[in-house]
């Protein structure tokens, strides 16, 4: 019943004026704003994360206010391709991609003053994206590994990889949109052979560690920009947290608690129908999970929400 209500509310939201704010614009629309000049009154915030960590919901918090556009994966195909060429270090120019993002935030600012953009796909290039776009503030969104991996599993990550352990190069995924082929990365180092023998849980655990390690390392080296860690467990449906960011980032007009709690229904990106919870994992999957977390990204507990 709860899921049906969620689906009903999220479908209704699709037709709202608020949803139209962050709808993917065409190139013809974007190019109209190429001469827009960003001023100190126009803020650009960027959010980085692994995905399945509340980024969509967090962007909708900003989008719920008249002086912000908050978007998540607005150009998922281009963003996933950026991850692909960056992670595998392919000799492909990224100039067009960054021009697209600049046109996008210029349009946002021209229409609604400020722009909040989030995407898990550019988390392998935090330094590069930050240097190119010059944001006023950046966020590291993260969620505990167990719930994140459960959610990725439900969304079909590395589906069928248990039956096909001979994965020697990135695959073309025909189960959904093309961007899936660009987003399901595999190890590009000596760990590749061991990774092939892992269960789906182990492969997803490796992915969670790898992406968060990219962000964690880059965040430490970025200076002269405001940066914040956001743990989903600390902020999810937390009205006190919302009141704090509403004042800090001048979100107009502050929502009442019932409106804030309803934002979750504006982010239709729930896990898929395939539920596989930690309590149901077999011992081999749990052992792989623990080993990979310890070896690749043992930093989750030390990261604190600091806003």
Protein backbone atom coordinates (compact mmCIF):
# COMPACT_ATOMS: atom_id res chain seq x y z
CA UNK A 1 0.00 0.00 0.00
CA UNK A 2 2.85 2.37 0.90
CA UNK A 3 4.53 1.70 -2.46
CA UNK A 4 1.29 2.32 -4.36
CA UNK A 5 0.79 5.64 -2.58
CA UNK A 6 4.38 6.62 -3.36
CA UNK A 7 3.93 5.79 -7.05
CA UNK A 8 0.66 7.72 -7.18
CA UNK A 9 2.18 10.84 -5.62
CA UNK A 10 5.33 10.73 -7.77
CA UNK A 11 3.23 10.34 -10.94
CA UNK A 12 1.09 13.32 -9.98
CA UNK A 13 4.25 15.35 -9.34
CA UNK A 14 5.49 14.73 -12.91
CA UNK A 15 2.80 17.10 -14.18
CA UNK A 16 3.49 19.91 -11.71
CA UNK A 17 5.11 23.25 -12.52
CA UNK A 18 7.89 22.36 -10.10
CA UNK A 19 8.76 19.22 -12.08
CA UNK A 20 8.92 21.24 -15.28
CA UNK A 21 11.66 23.39 -13.74
CA UNK A 22 14.27 20.65 -14.00
CA UNK A 23 12.96 18.89 -17.10
CA UNK A 24 15.78 18.23 -19.55
CA UNK A 25 15.95 21.23 -21.91
CA UNK A 26 16.70 20.88 -25.59
CA UNK A 27 19.89 22.23 -27.13
CA UNK A 28 17.86 24.90 -28.95
CA UNK A 29 16.57 26.13 -25.61
CA UNK A 30 19.94 25.99 -23.89
CA UNK A 31 21.76 27.94 -26.57
CA UNK A 32 19.49 30.94 -25.95
CA UNK A 33 21.36 31.48 -22.67
CA UNK A 34 24.93 31.23 -23.96
CA UNK A 35 25.55 34.96 -23.36
CA UNK A 36 24.13 34.98 -19.84
CA UNK A 37 26.69 36.35 -17.37
CA UNK A 38 26.84 34.72 -13.96
CA UNK A 39 27.17 37.21 -11.09
CA UNK A 40 27.86 36.92 -7.36
CA UNK A 41 24.08 36.68 -6.85
CA UNK A 42 23.93 33.44 -8.85
CA UNK A 43 25.03 30.39 -6.87
CA UNK A 44 26.13 27.06 -8.34
CA UNK A 45 26.15 24.00 -6.07
CA UNK A 46 27.34 20.55 -7.18
CA UNK A 47 26.66 17.20 -5.53
CA UNK A 48 28.84 14.09 -5.88
CA UNK A 49 28.04 10.55 -4.74
CA UNK A 50 27.93 6.90 -5.71
CA UNK A 51 24.21 6.93 -6.47
CA UNK A 52 21.46 5.31 -4.36
CA UNK A 53 22.53 7.67 -1.56
CA UNK A 54 19.83 10.36 -1.51
CA UNK A 55 21.24 12.64 -4.21
CA UNK A 56 17.95 12.78 -6.10
CA UNK A 57 16.02 13.61 -2.92
CA UNK A 58 18.61 16.22 -1.90
CA UNK A 59 18.37 17.97 -5.27
CA UNK A 60 14.58 18.05 -4.95
CA UNK A 61 14.92 19.88 -1.64
CA UNK A 62 16.53 22.76 -3.50
CA UNK A 63 14.14 22.46 -6.43
CA UNK A 64 11.21 22.92 -4.04
CA UNK A 65 12.07 26.62 -3.72
CA UNK A 66 11.37 29.45 -6.12
CA UNK A 67 14.97 30.73 -6.25
CA UNK A 68 16.60 27.39 -7.11
CA UNK A 69 16.55 24.70 -9.76
CA UNK A 70 17.69 21.38 -8.34
CA UNK A 71 18.40 18.62 -10.85
CA UNK A 72 19.76 15.07 -10.73
CA UNK A 73 21.09 13.18 -13.77
CA UNK A 74 19.44 15.68 -16.10
CA UNK A 75 21.76 14.60 -18.93
CA UNK A 76 22.27 11.00 -17.82
CA UNK A 77 23.51 9.76 -21.22
CA UNK A 78 26.22 12.42 -21.54
CA UNK A 79 27.09 12.18 -17.85
CA UNK A 80 27.49 8.39 -17.99
CA UNK A 81 29.67 8.74 -21.09
CA UNK A 82 31.82 11.24 -19.17
CA UNK A 83 32.31 8.62 -16.45
CA UNK A 84 33.22 6.02 -19.05
CA UNK A 85 35.90 8.04 -20.83
CA UNK A 86 37.29 9.49 -17.59
CA UNK A 87 37.51 6.23 -15.66
CA UNK A 88 39.07 4.32 -18.57
CA UNK A 89 41.27 7.32 -19.51
CA UNK A 90 40.13 7.39 -23.13
CA UNK A 91 41.55 10.07 -25.46
CA UNK A 92 38.23 11.81 -26.11
CA UNK A 93 37.68 15.55 -25.76
CA UNK A 94 35.33 16.58 -22.94
CA UNK A 95 34.91 20.18 -24.10
CA UNK A 96 31.38 19.59 -25.42
CA UNK A 97 30.29 17.98 -22.16
CA UNK A 98 31.41 20.90 -20.03
CA UNK A 99 29.87 23.37 -22.48
CA UNK A 100 26.57 21.51 -22.02
CA UNK A 101 26.79 21.81 -18.22
CA UNK A 102 27.65 25.50 -18.43
CA UNK A 103 24.71 26.19 -20.73
CA UNK A 104 22.54 24.24 -18.31
CA UNK A 105 23.45 26.24 -15.22
CA UNK A 106 23.27 29.52 -17.17
CA UNK A 107 19.70 28.70 -18.12
CA UNK A 108 18.90 27.76 -14.51
CA UNK A 109 20.31 31.04 -13.23
CA UNK A 110 18.61 33.16 -15.87
CA UNK A 111 15.24 31.67 -14.97
CA UNK A 112 15.50 30.95 -11.23
CA UNK A 113 18.70 32.65 -9.99
CA UNK A 114 20.53 29.59 -8.59
CA UNK A 115 21.44 26.11 -9.80
CA UNK A 116 21.96 22.87 -7.85
CA UNK A 117 23.23 20.00 -10.04
CA UNK A 118 23.88 16.46 -8.87
CA UNK A 119 25.06 13.36 -10.67
CA UNK A 120 26.75 10.14 -9.58
CA UNK A 121 28.34 9.86 -13.02
CA UNK A 122 30.91 12.61 -12.64
CA UNK A 123 32.17 11.40 -9.27
CA UNK A 124 35.29 9.93 -10.90
CA UNK A 125 36.34 13.47 -11.85
CA UNK A 126 35.57 15.71 -8.88
CA UNK A 127 38.68 17.85 -9.35
CA UNK A 128 38.14 18.23 -13.07
CA UNK A 129 34.43 19.04 -12.82
CA UNK A 130 35.06 21.51 -10.00
CA UNK A 131 37.87 23.26 -11.89
CA UNK A 132 35.77 23.56 -15.05
CA UNK A 133 32.48 24.72 -13.52
CA UNK A 134 33.75 26.85 -10.61
CA UNK A 135 30.93 26.05 -8.14
CA UNK A 136 30.33 28.06 -4.98
CA UNK A 137 29.79 24.91 -2.94
CA UNK A 138 30.17 21.13 -3.32
CA UNK A 139 28.61 18.19 -1.46
CA UNK A 140 29.75 14.62 -0.86
CA UNK A 141 26.56 12.56 -0.52
CA UNK A 142 27.06 9.13 0.99
CA UNK A 143 24.94 6.35 2.48
CA UNK A 144 25.92 3.32 4.55
CA UNK A 145 27.30 0.53 2.35
CA UNK A 146 24.76 -2.17 3.25
CA UNK A 147 21.66 -0.17 2.31
CA UNK A 148 23.37 1.28 -0.76
CA UNK A 149 24.40 -2.13 -2.05
CA UNK A 150 20.93 -3.55 -1.37
CA UNK A 151 19.52 -0.68 -3.43
CA UNK A 152 21.97 -1.15 -6.32
CA UNK A 153 21.14 -4.85 -6.35
CA UNK A 154 17.45 -4.03 -6.62
CA UNK A 155 18.18 -1.73 -9.57
CA UNK A 156 19.88 -4.56 -11.45
CA UNK A 157 23.53 -3.61 -11.14
CA UNK A 158 25.87 -6.22 -12.63
CA UNK A 159 22.84 -8.35 -13.45
CA UNK A 160 23.74 -11.78 -14.85
CA UNK A 161 27.39 -11.31 -13.87
CA UNK A 162 27.13 -14.40 -11.61
CA UNK A 163 26.49 -16.49 -14.71
CA UNK A 164 29.15 -14.74 -16.81
CA UNK A 165 32.42 -14.53 -14.92
CA UNK A 166 34.51 -14.09 -18.06
CA UNK A 167 34.12 -10.30 -18.22
CA UNK A 168 37.37 -9.06 -19.70
CA UNK A 169 36.25 -5.64 -20.88
CA UNK A 170 33.36 -3.20 -20.39
CA UNK A 171 30.11 -4.67 -21.69
CA UNK A 172 27.32 -3.32 -23.85
CA UNK A 173 24.24 -3.61 -21.64
CA UNK A 174 21.06 -4.14 -23.70
CA UNK A 175 18.70 -4.45 -20.72
CA UNK A 176 17.88 -0.76 -20.57
CA UNK A 177 19.10 2.66 -21.71
CA UNK A 178 22.48 3.07 -23.36
CA UNK A 179 23.85 4.92 -20.36
CA UNK A 180 23.88 1.62 -18.45
CA UNK A 181 26.67 0.44 -20.74
CA UNK A 182 28.72 3.48 -19.79
CA UNK A 183 27.96 3.42 -16.06
CA UNK A 184 28.69 -0.21 -15.05
CA UNK A 185 32.45 0.13 -14.75
CA UNK A 186 34.79 -2.77 -13.99
CA UNK A 187 38.31 -2.74 -12.48
CA UNK A 188 40.95 -1.35 -14.83
CA UNK A 189 43.88 -2.68 -12.79
CA UNK A 190 45.32 -5.92 -11.41
CA UNK A 191 42.20 -6.51 -9.28
CA UNK A 192 40.20 -7.32 -12.41
CA UNK A 193 40.80 -11.08 -12.35
CA UNK A 194 39.73 -11.42 -8.73
CA UNK A 195 36.71 -9.15 -9.33
CA UNK A 196 35.45 -11.48 -12.09
CA UNK A 197 35.08 -14.31 -9.58
CA UNK A 198 33.04 -12.26 -7.09
CA UNK A 199 29.31 -12.58 -6.51
CA UNK A 200 27.07 -9.68 -7.55
CA UNK A 201 27.17 -8.43 -3.97
CA UNK A 202 30.97 -8.44 -4.07
CA UNK A 203 31.06 -6.62 -7.41
CA UNK A 204 28.65 -3.95 -6.20
CA UNK A 205 30.64 -3.57 -2.96
CA UNK A 206 33.75 -2.94 -5.07
CA UNK A 207 31.85 -0.31 -7.06
CA UNK A 208 30.61 1.45 -3.89
CA UNK A 209 34.16 1.56 -2.53
CA UNK A 210 35.74 2.70 -5.79
CA UNK A 211 33.40 5.63 -6.42
CA UNK A 212 33.44 6.85 -2.83
CA UNK A 213 37.23 6.58 -2.76
CA UNK A 214 37.46 8.86 -5.81
CA UNK A 215 35.27 11.46 -4.11
CA UNK A 216 36.88 11.12 -0.67
CA UNK A 217 40.39 11.57 -2.09
CA UNK A 218 39.50 14.53 -4.30
CA UNK A 219 37.54 16.31 -1.58
CA UNK A 220 40.59 16.30 0.67
CA UNK A 221 42.62 18.13 -1.97
CA UNK A 222 40.06 20.78 -2.92
CA UNK A 223 40.49 24.16 -1.26
CA UNK A 224 38.94 27.62 -1.52
CA UNK A 225 35.45 26.15 -2.09
CA UNK A 226 32.87 25.44 0.57
CA UNK A 227 32.46 21.67 0.85
CA UNK A 228 30.21 19.51 2.98
CA UNK A 229 29.70 15.83 3.76
CA UNK A 230 26.08 14.66 3.79
CA UNK A 231 25.28 11.25 5.27
CA UNK A 232 21.81 10.17 4.25
CA UNK A 233 21.20 8.49 7.62
CA UNK A 234 21.71 11.85 9.36
CA UNK A 235 19.49 13.99 7.14
CA UNK A 236 16.76 11.78 5.67
CA UNK A 237 13.35 13.22 6.61
CA UNK A 238 15.11 15.38 9.22
CA UNK A 239 13.27 18.69 9.46
CA UNK A 240 15.87 20.28 11.74
CA UNK A 241 18.50 19.64 9.08
CA UNK A 242 16.23 21.18 6.46
CA UNK A 243 15.68 24.29 8.60
CA UNK A 244 19.44 24.67 8.88
CA UNK A 245 20.14 24.50 5.13
CA UNK A 246 17.10 26.62 4.37
CA UNK A 247 18.62 29.48 6.32
CA UNK A 248 22.22 28.81 5.30
CA UNK A 249 21.53 28.68 1.56
CA UNK A 250 18.66 31.16 1.40
CA UNK A 251 16.00 28.72 0.22
CA UNK A 252 12.87 30.76 -0.49
CA UNK A 253 10.32 30.24 0.94
CA UNK A 254 10.95 27.78 3.78
CA UNK A 255 8.60 24.81 3.68
CA UNK A 256 6.48 23.70 6.59
CA UNK A 257 7.25 20.28 8.01
CA UNK A 258 4.50 18.41 6.17
CA UNK A 259 5.65 19.85 2.83
CA UNK A 260 9.25 18.94 3.60
CA UNK A 261 8.34 15.35 4.46
CA UNK A 262 6.50 15.08 1.14
CA UNK A 263 9.63 15.90 -0.93
CA UNK A 264 10.48 12.18 -0.95
CA UNK A 265 7.51 11.70 -3.28
CA UNK A 266 9.08 14.12 -5.78
CA UNK A 267 12.08 11.85 -6.32
CA UNK A 268 10.71 8.81 -8.19
CA UNK A 269 13.87 6.73 -8.12
CA UNK A 270 13.07 3.89 -5.74
CA UNK A 271 14.88 0.56 -5.88
CA UNK A 272 13.54 -2.02 -8.31
CA UNK A 273 11.27 -4.92 -7.51
CA UNK A 274 14.13 -7.33 -6.81
CA UNK A 275 14.68 -7.09 -3.04
CA UNK A 276 17.71 -8.81 -1.54
CA UNK A 277 18.48 -7.70 2.00
CA UNK A 278 21.65 -8.18 4.01
CA UNK A 279 19.92 -10.63 6.32
CA UNK A 280 19.32 -12.90 3.30
CA UNK A 281 22.86 -12.76 1.90
CA UNK A 282 24.76 -16.03 2.11
CA UNK A 283 27.98 -16.26 4.11
CA UNK A 284 30.19 -16.00 1.04
CA UNK A 285 28.51 -12.72 0.03
CA UNK A 286 28.87 -11.33 3.54
CA UNK A 287 32.53 -12.34 3.65
CA UNK A 288 33.21 -10.69 0.29
CA UNK A 289 31.41 -7.56 1.44
CA UNK A 290 33.44 -7.25 4.66
CA UNK A 291 36.77 -7.93 2.94
CA UNK A 292 36.18 -5.45 0.13
CA UNK A 293 35.00 -2.67 2.43
CA UNK A 294 38.00 -3.18 4.73
CA UNK A 295 40.48 -3.26 1.85
CA UNK A 296 39.13 -0.56 -0.46
CA UNK A 297 37.16 2.01 1.54
CA UNK A 298 37.22 1.68 5.35
CA UNK A 299 36.43 5.38 5.83
CA UNK A 300 32.64 5.42 6.11
CA UNK A 301 32.50 5.70 9.92
CA UNK A 302 34.98 8.58 10.02
CA UNK A 303 32.92 10.69 7.60
CA UNK A 304 30.55 12.99 9.48
CA UNK A 305 27.75 15.22 8.27
CA UNK A 306 29.31 18.63 8.79
CA UNK A 307 26.78 21.18 7.67
